Protein backbone atom coordinates (compact mmCIF):
# COMPACT_ATOMS: atom_id res chain seq x y z
CA UNK A 1 85.47 128.51 106.98
CA UNK A 2 83.76 125.21 107.75
CA UNK A 3 85.03 121.70 107.19
CA UNK A 4 82.48 121.36 104.38
CA UNK A 5 83.58 124.49 102.54
CA UNK A 6 87.24 123.53 102.98
CA UNK A 7 86.45 120.04 101.70
CA UNK A 8 84.84 121.61 98.64
CA UNK A 9 87.90 123.83 98.13
CA UNK A 10 90.22 120.81 98.27
CA UNK A 11 88.05 119.04 95.71
CA UNK A 12 88.08 122.09 93.43
CA UNK A 13 91.88 122.23 93.63
CA UNK A 14 92.13 118.51 92.84
CA UNK A 15 89.84 118.90 89.81
CA UNK A 16 91.90 121.76 88.39
CA UNK A 17 95.10 119.80 88.85
CA UNK A 18 93.57 116.85 86.99
CA UNK A 19 93.40 119.04 83.89
CA UNK A 20 97.17 119.43 83.77
CA UNK A 21 97.96 115.72 83.89
CA UNK A 22 97.39 115.13 80.15
CA UNK A 23 99.59 118.13 79.34
CA UNK A 24 102.43 116.69 81.42
CA UNK A 25 101.83 113.22 79.99
CA UNK A 26 101.87 114.46 76.40
CA UNK A 27 105.18 116.23 77.12
CA UNK A 28 106.57 112.88 78.37
CA UNK A 29 107.06 114.50 81.80
CA UNK A 30 106.17 111.21 83.45
CA UNK A 31 107.82 111.92 86.79
CA UNK A 32 105.80 115.14 87.02
CA UNK A 33 102.62 113.17 86.33
CA UNK A 34 103.49 110.93 89.28
CA UNK A 35 104.16 113.85 91.64
CA UNK A 36 101.09 115.81 90.59
CA UNK A 37 98.89 112.71 90.83
CA UNK A 38 100.09 112.20 94.40
CA UNK A 39 99.10 115.74 95.32
CA UNK A 40 95.70 115.32 93.67
CA UNK A 41 95.02 112.12 95.62
CA UNK A 42 96.16 113.76 98.85
CA UNK A 43 93.86 116.75 98.32
CA UNK A 44 90.90 114.54 97.43
CA UNK A 45 91.32 112.25 100.44
CA UNK A 46 91.90 115.13 102.84
CA UNK A 47 88.75 116.73 101.45
CA UNK A 48 86.84 113.53 102.17
CA UNK A 49 88.16 113.48 105.73
CA UNK A 50 87.19 117.12 106.28
CA UNK A 51 83.74 116.41 104.87
CA UNK A 52 83.40 113.69 107.51
CA UNK A 53 84.45 116.11 110.26
CA UNK A 54 87.94 114.66 110.65
CA UNK A 55 90.92 117.02 110.81
CA UNK A 56 93.48 115.55 108.39
CA UNK A 57 97.01 115.13 109.70
CA UNK A 58 99.97 116.96 108.21
CA UNK A 59 101.37 113.98 106.34
CA UNK A 60 100.90 112.89 102.75
CA UNK A 61 99.36 109.40 102.89
CA UNK A 62 95.99 109.56 104.64
CA UNK A 63 94.61 106.41 103.02
CA UNK A 64 94.84 104.55 106.32
CA UNK A 65 92.59 107.12 107.97
CA UNK A 66 90.08 106.86 105.16
CA UNK A 67 90.00 103.10 105.76
CA UNK A 68 89.74 103.59 109.53
CA UNK A 69 86.74 105.91 109.12
CA UNK A 70 85.18 104.04 106.17
CA UNK A 71 81.82 104.08 107.94
CA UNK A 72 81.70 107.85 107.47
CA UNK A 73 81.72 107.40 103.70
CA UNK A 74 78.56 105.32 103.12
CA UNK A 75 78.38 106.26 99.43
CA UNK A 76 81.60 104.32 98.79
CA UNK A 77 81.91 100.55 98.62
CA UNK A 78 84.63 98.78 100.61
CA UNK A 79 86.50 98.09 97.34
CA UNK A 80 86.51 101.79 96.52
CA UNK A 81 87.87 102.70 99.96
CA UNK A 82 90.59 100.08 99.50
CA UNK A 83 91.42 101.36 96.01
CA UNK A 84 91.76 104.92 97.31
CA UNK A 85 94.01 103.81 100.17
CA UNK A 86 96.15 101.72 97.82
CA UNK A 87 96.57 104.62 95.39
CA UNK A 88 97.49 106.94 98.25
CA UNK A 89 100.12 104.57 99.63
CA UNK A 90 101.70 103.87 96.25
CA UNK A 91 101.85 107.51 95.19
CA UNK A 92 103.17 108.59 98.58
CA UNK A 93 105.99 106.09 98.20
CA UNK A 94 106.88 107.55 94.79
CA UNK A 95 106.42 111.20 95.80
CA UNK A 96 109.97 112.25 96.64
CA UNK A 97 111.67 110.09 94.03
CA UNK A 98 109.42 111.48 91.32
CA UNK A 99 110.27 115.05 92.26
CA UNK A 100 113.81 115.02 93.60
CA UNK A 101 115.27 111.70 92.53
CA UNK A 102 118.42 110.50 94.22
CA UNK A 103 122.08 110.03 93.40
CA UNK A 104 121.28 106.76 91.62
CA UNK A 105 117.72 107.61 90.57
CA UNK A 106 117.10 110.25 87.90
CA UNK A 107 113.32 110.69 87.79
CA UNK A 108 113.15 111.86 84.18
CA UNK A 109 114.87 108.63 83.15
CA UNK A 110 113.15 106.17 85.48
CA UNK A 111 109.43 106.74 84.99
CA UNK A 112 107.64 105.58 81.88
CA UNK A 113 104.30 106.13 80.18
CA UNK A 114 102.69 103.05 81.74
CA UNK A 115 103.55 104.18 85.27
CA UNK A 116 102.37 107.72 84.57
CA UNK A 117 99.14 106.38 83.11
CA UNK A 118 98.55 104.32 86.25
CA UNK A 119 99.09 107.45 88.37
CA UNK A 120 96.67 109.49 86.24
CA UNK A 121 94.02 106.79 86.43
CA UNK A 122 94.43 106.53 90.20
CA UNK A 123 94.10 110.30 90.55
CA UNK A 124 90.96 110.41 88.41
CA UNK A 125 89.41 107.53 90.31
CA UNK A 126 90.10 109.02 93.75
CA UNK A 127 88.74 112.43 92.67
CA UNK A 128 85.59 110.64 91.47
CA UNK A 129 85.25 109.03 94.91
CA UNK A 130 85.75 112.40 96.58
CA UNK A 131 83.11 114.00 94.35
CA UNK A 132 80.60 111.45 95.49
CA UNK A 133 81.47 111.90 99.16
CA UNK A 134 81.65 115.69 99.17
CA UNK A 135 78.53 116.17 97.09
CA UNK A 136 76.55 113.63 99.08
CA UNK A 137 75.72 116.32 101.65
């Protein structure tokens, strides 16, 4: 398997996962929207890195690497690279809380529709960026 075919596989997985976000949102499963959005963004950005010939690290927030190698994504504007990195950092920060919570943080009680909508929009936007990068070949 090549980096390009693996990048395309990551993008395909991200696209499929996008389809479940409205289902989770409509069920008011806002913390699940956050967690799933994080995974979508991670897949999309790691796909972009693979497309550019960069082996993604085994951590969740790779937005910094996307910024570092911005020159390898000429189809994206600097503002788009920054938006992708910002989404990645924010969702990475929320990842564990959204899924596991903590003794004083019950995820099903702490996330609301506005936060879930932000996560969905970020996921859609980053997948759109990845589509442009991965299909630019």
